[in-house]
Amino acid sequence: MTLRPFLHRLLEGDPPTRAAFALRLALALLIVLNVAAIVLETVPDWTAPLGPWFAGLESLSVVVFSCEYALRFYAAPEQPRFAAPLTGRLRWMVSPAALIDLAAILPSLLLLAGFDLRILRMVRLSRLVRIAKLGRYSLAVQTLQRVLRTKAPDLLSLLFLLIVLLVVSSTLMFHLEHAAQPHGFSSIPATMWWGIVTLTTIGYGDLTPITTLGRLLGGFIAVLGIGMFALPAGLLGAAFVDELSKARAGGRGGGEATGAAHGPSCPHCGKSIGGF
């Protein structure tokens, strides 16, 4: 096997090997350490004593993620959709996963090149973007991405209904409460803050109806909001179960095919139980 196919299999884990698994696990651990460093750096008592460790982790992360990006760029033509040596790599560079990888390292590289120190803000942001890289190494995140892609039309329809409900409820509440609270419910856009916190059942409390009709409407909208947000949760939950069922069925498919070749097979584990 030549170098490029080897790197592609190692980085993509297809087919899965121990080396590919170890690499994915190490990169995922490095991302988790980056997230932990972002959190701990905000603790004043830990900033000074752990500062050198944080700086060392950042330097190591930039080197590792830069090497990963360069190797993925080199191995990109191994994927059918990026097969052309030049244009294929250019298409790979604008793919979502490649853009996330680039965003995770580019600000740090610009800082090392001597750019304005104000770019430090971008460096902190880039480290936070590294969380998105976990999706490449997590089967759960990949399953969720497939679910969202499959149910996108349904979710957009629910979002449209939610926006309509927000506008209608905010308009009604404005007309009911404006006379009693001209400063709080000063306009329909201002009343939409009340609509958002009520529909999401947060009940922030800084803007509440005081008239009888306003409270009746507020209670109705709060109950309706529970149902509105239960719909996408149920939709995503059912889709997630379907994806897991498909994965399990695919895993049993190979065993059933083998069993068919050698005789009857167990319906649970797929192993051959022999014939008579």
Protein backbone atom coordinates (compact mmCIF):
# COMPACT_ATOMS: atom_id res chain seq x y z
CA MET A 1 0.00 0.00 0.00
CA THR A 2 1.30 3.45 -0.92
CA LEU A 3 1.50 6.34 1.53
CA ARG A 4 -1.65 8.24 0.52
CA PRO A 5 -4.11 5.30 0.79
CA PHE A 6 -2.50 4.34 4.10
CA LEU A 7 -2.97 7.86 5.51
CA HIS A 8 -6.56 7.97 4.28
CA ARG A 9 -7.43 4.70 6.01
CA LEU A 10 -5.61 5.77 9.15
CA LEU A 11 -7.31 9.16 9.39
CA GLU A 12 -10.79 8.10 8.30
CA GLY A 13 -10.84 4.73 10.07
CA ASP A 14 -12.28 2.94 7.03
CA PRO A 15 -11.81 0.01 7.34
CA PRO A 16 -11.41 0.23 11.15
CA THR A 17 -8.02 -0.79 12.50
CA ARG A 18 -6.35 -0.62 15.89
CA ALA A 19 -4.03 2.14 14.70
CA ALA A 20 -6.94 4.21 13.36
CA PHE A 21 -8.88 3.71 16.60
CA ALA A 22 -5.86 4.73 18.70
CA LEU A 23 -5.34 7.86 16.59
CA ARG A 24 -9.00 8.89 16.80
CA LEU A 25 -8.98 8.30 20.56
CA ALA A 26 -5.82 10.39 21.01
CA LEU A 27 -7.21 13.29 18.95
CA ALA A 28 -10.51 13.18 20.83
CA LEU A 29 -8.63 13.24 24.15
CA LEU A 30 -6.60 16.24 23.00
CA ILE A 31 -9.81 18.10 22.11
CA VAL A 32 -11.28 17.31 25.53
CA LEU A 33 -8.10 18.63 27.18
CA ASN A 34 -8.46 21.84 25.15
CA VAL A 35 -12.01 22.28 26.39
CA ALA A 36 -10.90 21.65 29.98
CA ALA A 37 -8.12 24.24 29.57
CA ILE A 38 -10.59 26.85 28.29
CA VAL A 39 -12.72 26.29 31.40
CA LEU A 40 -9.85 26.24 33.92
CA GLU A 41 -8.18 29.35 32.49
CA THR A 42 -11.13 31.40 33.74
CA VAL A 43 -10.35 30.45 37.37
CA PRO A 44 -8.12 33.28 38.72
CA ASP A 45 -6.36 31.08 41.30
CA TRP A 46 -5.35 28.56 38.64
CA THR A 47 -4.29 30.93 35.87
CA ALA A 48 -0.83 31.73 37.27
CA PRO A 49 0.32 28.27 38.48
CA LEU A 50 -1.05 26.40 35.47
CA GLY A 51 -0.25 29.09 32.89
CA PRO A 52 2.84 27.28 31.47
CA TRP A 53 0.84 24.05 31.17
CA PHE A 54 -1.93 25.84 29.31
CA ALA A 55 0.60 27.44 26.95
CA GLY A 56 2.29 24.09 26.34
CA LEU A 57 -1.02 22.40 25.64
CA GLU A 58 -1.93 25.14 23.15
CA SER A 59 1.40 24.78 21.33
CA LEU A 60 1.06 21.00 21.20
CA SER A 61 -2.52 21.28 19.95
CA VAL A 62 -1.60 23.68 17.17
CA VAL A 63 1.20 21.38 15.98
CA VAL A 64 -0.96 18.24 16.11
CA PHE A 65 -4.01 19.77 14.49
CA SER A 66 -1.88 21.45 11.81
CA CYS A 67 -0.26 18.12 10.95
CA GLU A 68 -3.69 16.48 10.88
CA TYR A 69 -5.01 19.15 8.52
CA ALA A 70 -1.99 18.83 6.22
CA LEU A 71 -2.26 15.03 6.09
CA ARG A 72 -6.00 15.15 5.40
CA PHE A 73 -5.34 17.67 2.63
CA TYR A 74 -2.75 15.32 1.11
CA ALA A 75 -5.00 12.23 1.39
CA ALA A 76 -8.21 13.95 0.23
CA PRO A 77 -8.09 12.57 -3.39
CA GLU A 78 -8.56 9.07 -1.96
CA GLN A 79 -12.22 9.96 -1.47
CA PRO A 80 -14.24 9.55 -4.71
CA ARG A 81 -15.82 13.02 -4.54
CA PHE A 82 -12.36 14.64 -4.21
CA ALA A 83 -10.60 12.36 -6.68
CA ALA A 84 -8.99 15.08 -8.84
CA PRO A 85 -5.53 15.92 -7.47
CA LEU A 86 -5.92 19.72 -7.60
CA THR A 87 -9.59 20.58 -7.90
CA GLY A 88 -10.47 17.70 -5.58
CA ARG A 89 -8.28 19.11 -2.83
CA LEU A 90 -9.76 22.57 -3.38
CA ARG A 91 -13.27 21.14 -3.01
CA TRP A 92 -12.15 19.36 0.13
CA MET A 93 -10.85 22.64 1.59
CA VAL A 94 -14.34 24.20 1.43
CA SER A 95 -16.12 21.16 2.89
CA PRO A 96 -17.66 21.73 6.36
CA ALA A 97 -15.29 19.36 8.17
CA ALA A 98 -12.20 20.93 6.56
CA LEU A 99 -13.39 24.45 7.40
CA ILE A 100 -13.82 23.43 11.04
CA ASP A 101 -10.31 21.97 11.06
CA LEU A 102 -8.91 25.18 9.54
CA ALA A 103 -10.80 27.43 11.98
CA ALA A 104 -9.29 25.47 14.85
CA ILE A 105 -5.70 26.34 13.90
CA LEU A 106 -5.62 29.41 11.64
CA PRO A 107 -5.88 32.17 14.31
CA SER A 108 -3.12 30.53 16.37
CA LEU A 109 -0.89 30.32 13.30
CA LEU A 110 -1.54 34.00 12.52
CA LEU A 111 -0.57 34.90 16.08
CA LEU A 112 2.71 32.99 15.78
CA ALA A 113 3.36 34.85 12.52
CA GLY A 114 3.43 38.13 14.46
CA PHE A 115 -0.01 39.58 13.80
CA ASP A 116 -1.68 42.10 16.10
CA LEU A 117 -2.22 40.84 19.65
CA ARG A 118 -5.90 41.70 19.32
CA ILE A 119 -6.14 38.44 17.37
CA LEU A 120 -5.86 36.72 20.76
CA ARG A 121 -9.64 36.91 20.91
CA MET A 122 -9.82 34.85 17.73
CA VAL A 123 -7.36 32.38 19.25
CA ARG A 124 -9.68 31.79 22.19
CA LEU A 125 -12.61 31.41 19.79
CA SER A 126 -10.65 28.96 17.65
CA ARG A 127 -9.98 26.77 20.66
CA LEU A 128 -13.70 26.65 21.32
CA VAL A 129 -14.30 25.64 17.68
CA ARG A 130 -12.20 22.55 18.36
CA ILE A 131 -15.19 21.11 20.21
CA ALA A 132 -16.84 20.69 16.81
CA LYS A 133 -13.99 18.38 15.77
CA LEU A 134 -15.32 15.80 18.23
CA GLY A 135 -18.12 15.09 15.74
CA ARG A 136 -15.54 13.41 13.51
CA TYR A 137 -14.67 10.89 16.24
CA SER A 138 -18.07 10.33 17.92
CA LEU A 139 -20.54 7.81 16.54
CA ALA A 140 -23.31 9.40 18.62
CA VAL A 141 -22.69 12.81 17.05
CA GLN A 142 -22.58 11.29 13.56
CA THR A 143 -25.90 9.54 14.23
CA LEU A 144 -27.41 12.81 15.43
CA GLN A 145 -26.19 14.55 12.27
CA ARG A 146 -27.93 11.93 10.12
CA VAL A 147 -31.11 12.35 12.17
CA LEU A 148 -31.07 16.13 11.77
CA ARG A 149 -30.42 15.79 8.03
CA THR A 150 -33.31 13.35 7.64
CA LYS A 151 -35.79 15.34 9.73
CA ALA A 152 -34.75 18.82 8.55
CA PRO A 153 -38.02 19.49 6.60
CA ASP A 154 -40.15 18.48 9.59
CA LEU A 155 -38.08 20.59 11.98
CA LEU A 156 -38.33 23.60 9.67
CA SER A 157 -42.11 23.21 9.58
CA LEU A 158 -42.23 23.15 13.38
CA LEU A 159 -39.98 26.20 13.51
CA PHE A 160 -42.32 28.06 11.17
CA LEU A 161 -45.30 27.20 13.38
CA LEU A 162 -43.39 28.36 16.44
CA ILE A 163 -42.58 31.71 14.81
CA VAL A 164 -46.23 32.20 13.84
CA LEU A 165 -47.32 31.38 17.39
CA LEU A 166 -44.74 33.81 18.79
CA VAL A 167 -45.93 36.67 16.58
CA VAL A 168 -49.63 36.05 17.28
CA SER A 169 -49.23 35.65 21.05
CA SER A 170 -46.96 38.71 21.32
CA THR A 171 -49.41 40.83 19.29
CA LEU A 172 -52.36 39.81 21.47
CA MET A 173 -50.44 40.35 24.70
CA PHE A 174 -49.27 43.78 23.55
CA HIS A 175 -52.84 44.94 23.00
CA LEU A 176 -53.96 43.50 26.35
CA GLU A 177 -51.09 44.85 28.49
CA HIS A 178 -49.87 48.02 26.78
CA ALA A 179 -52.31 50.31 28.56
CA ALA A 180 -51.46 48.84 31.99
CA GLN A 181 -47.68 48.57 31.43
CA PRO A 182 -46.65 51.05 28.72
CA HIS A 183 -42.96 50.78 29.61
CA GLY A 184 -42.77 46.98 29.74
CA PHE A 185 -45.05 46.10 26.83
CA SER A 186 -44.00 49.14 24.83
CA SER A 187 -44.17 47.51 21.39
CA ILE A 188 -44.79 44.18 19.75
CA PRO A 189 -41.05 43.48 19.26
CA ALA A 190 -40.46 44.26 22.95
CA THR A 191 -43.36 41.96 23.89
CA MET A 192 -41.72 39.15 21.90
CA TRP A 193 -39.21 38.79 24.75
CA TRP A 194 -42.13 37.82 26.97
CA GLY A 195 -43.39 35.48 24.21
CA ILE A 196 -40.03 33.70 23.92
CA VAL A 197 -39.54 33.10 27.66
CA THR A 198 -43.18 31.99 28.02
CA LEU A 199 -43.19 29.61 25.06
CA THR A 200 -39.94 28.05 26.27
CA THR A 201 -41.46 27.79 29.79
CA ILE A 202 -38.48 29.64 31.27
CA GLY A 203 -40.59 32.38 32.85
CA TYR A 204 -37.76 34.90 33.28
CA GLY A 205 -40.00 37.16 35.39
CA ASP A 206 -38.88 40.62 34.28
CA LEU A 207 -41.97 41.03 32.08
CA THR A 208 -45.26 39.54 33.26
CA PRO A 209 -48.93 40.35 32.56
CA ILE A 210 -50.95 41.98 35.37
CA THR A 211 -54.40 42.26 33.79
CA THR A 212 -56.90 39.42 34.08
CA LEU A 213 -57.13 38.81 30.34
CA GLY A 214 -53.37 39.09 30.04
CA ARG A 215 -52.82 36.42 32.69
CA LEU A 216 -55.36 34.12 31.06
CA LEU A 217 -53.60 34.49 27.73
CA GLY A 218 -50.21 34.01 29.39
CA GLY A 219 -51.31 30.76 31.03
CA PHE A 220 -52.72 29.46 27.76
CA ILE A 221 -49.54 30.32 25.87
CA ALA A 222 -47.37 28.68 28.57
CA VAL A 223 -49.34 25.41 28.31
CA LEU A 224 -49.23 25.59 24.51
CA GLY A 225 -45.47 26.15 24.62
CA ILE A 226 -44.97 22.85 26.45
CA GLY A 227 -46.67 21.01 23.60
CA MET A 228 -44.81 22.96 20.93
CA PHE A 229 -41.40 22.01 22.33
CA ALA A 230 -42.44 18.43 23.05
CA LEU A 231 -43.11 17.86 19.33
CA PRO A 232 -39.52 18.24 18.06
CA ALA A 233 -38.23 16.26 21.05
CA GLY A 234 -40.51 13.35 20.19
CA LEU A 235 -39.70 13.66 16.49
CA LEU A 236 -35.95 13.55 17.09
CA GLY A 237 -36.27 10.76 19.65
CA ALA A 238 -38.20 8.53 17.24
CA ALA A 239 -35.76 9.28 14.41
CA PHE A 240 -32.80 8.51 16.67
CA VAL A 241 -34.31 5.13 17.59
CA ASP A 242 -34.87 4.40 13.88
CA GLU A 243 -31.20 5.14 13.12
CA LEU A 244 -30.06 2.83 15.92
CA SER A 245 -32.40 0.10 14.66
CA LYS A 246 -30.96 0.44 11.16
CA ALA A 247 -27.43 0.18 12.53
CA ARG A 248 -28.28 -2.96 14.50
CA ALA A 249 -30.06 -4.49 11.52
CA GLY A 250 -27.02 -3.78 9.36
CA GLY A 251 -24.78 -5.41 11.93
CA ARG A 252 -26.93 -8.56 11.95
CA GLY A 253 -27.18 -8.62 8.17
CA GLY A 254 -23.70 -10.06 7.71
CA GLY A 255 -24.34 -12.81 10.24
CA GLU A 256 -27.65 -13.75 8.64
CA ALA A 257 -26.03 -13.95 5.21
CA THR A 258 -23.36 -16.25 6.59
CA GLY A 259 -25.97 -18.37 8.29
CA ALA A 260 -27.91 -18.73 5.04
CA ALA A 261 -24.83 -20.17 3.37
CA HIS A 262 -24.21 -22.78 6.09
CA GLY A 263 -27.74 -23.57 7.26
CA PRO A 264 -30.33 -22.08 9.62
CA SER A 265 -29.13 -19.24 11.85
CA CYS A 266 -30.14 -17.94 15.26
CA PRO A 267 -32.53 -14.95 14.90
CA HIS A 268 -30.81 -13.20 17.86
CA CYS A 269 -27.07 -13.56 17.34
CA GLY A 270 -26.99 -14.57 13.65
CA LYS A 271 -24.77 -17.65 14.26
CA SER A 272 -25.39 -20.86 12.38
CA ILE A 273 -27.26 -23.52 14.35
CA GLY A 274 -26.66 -26.25 11.79
CA GLY A 275 -29.05 -28.42 9.84
CA PHE A 276 -30.56 -31.88 10.11
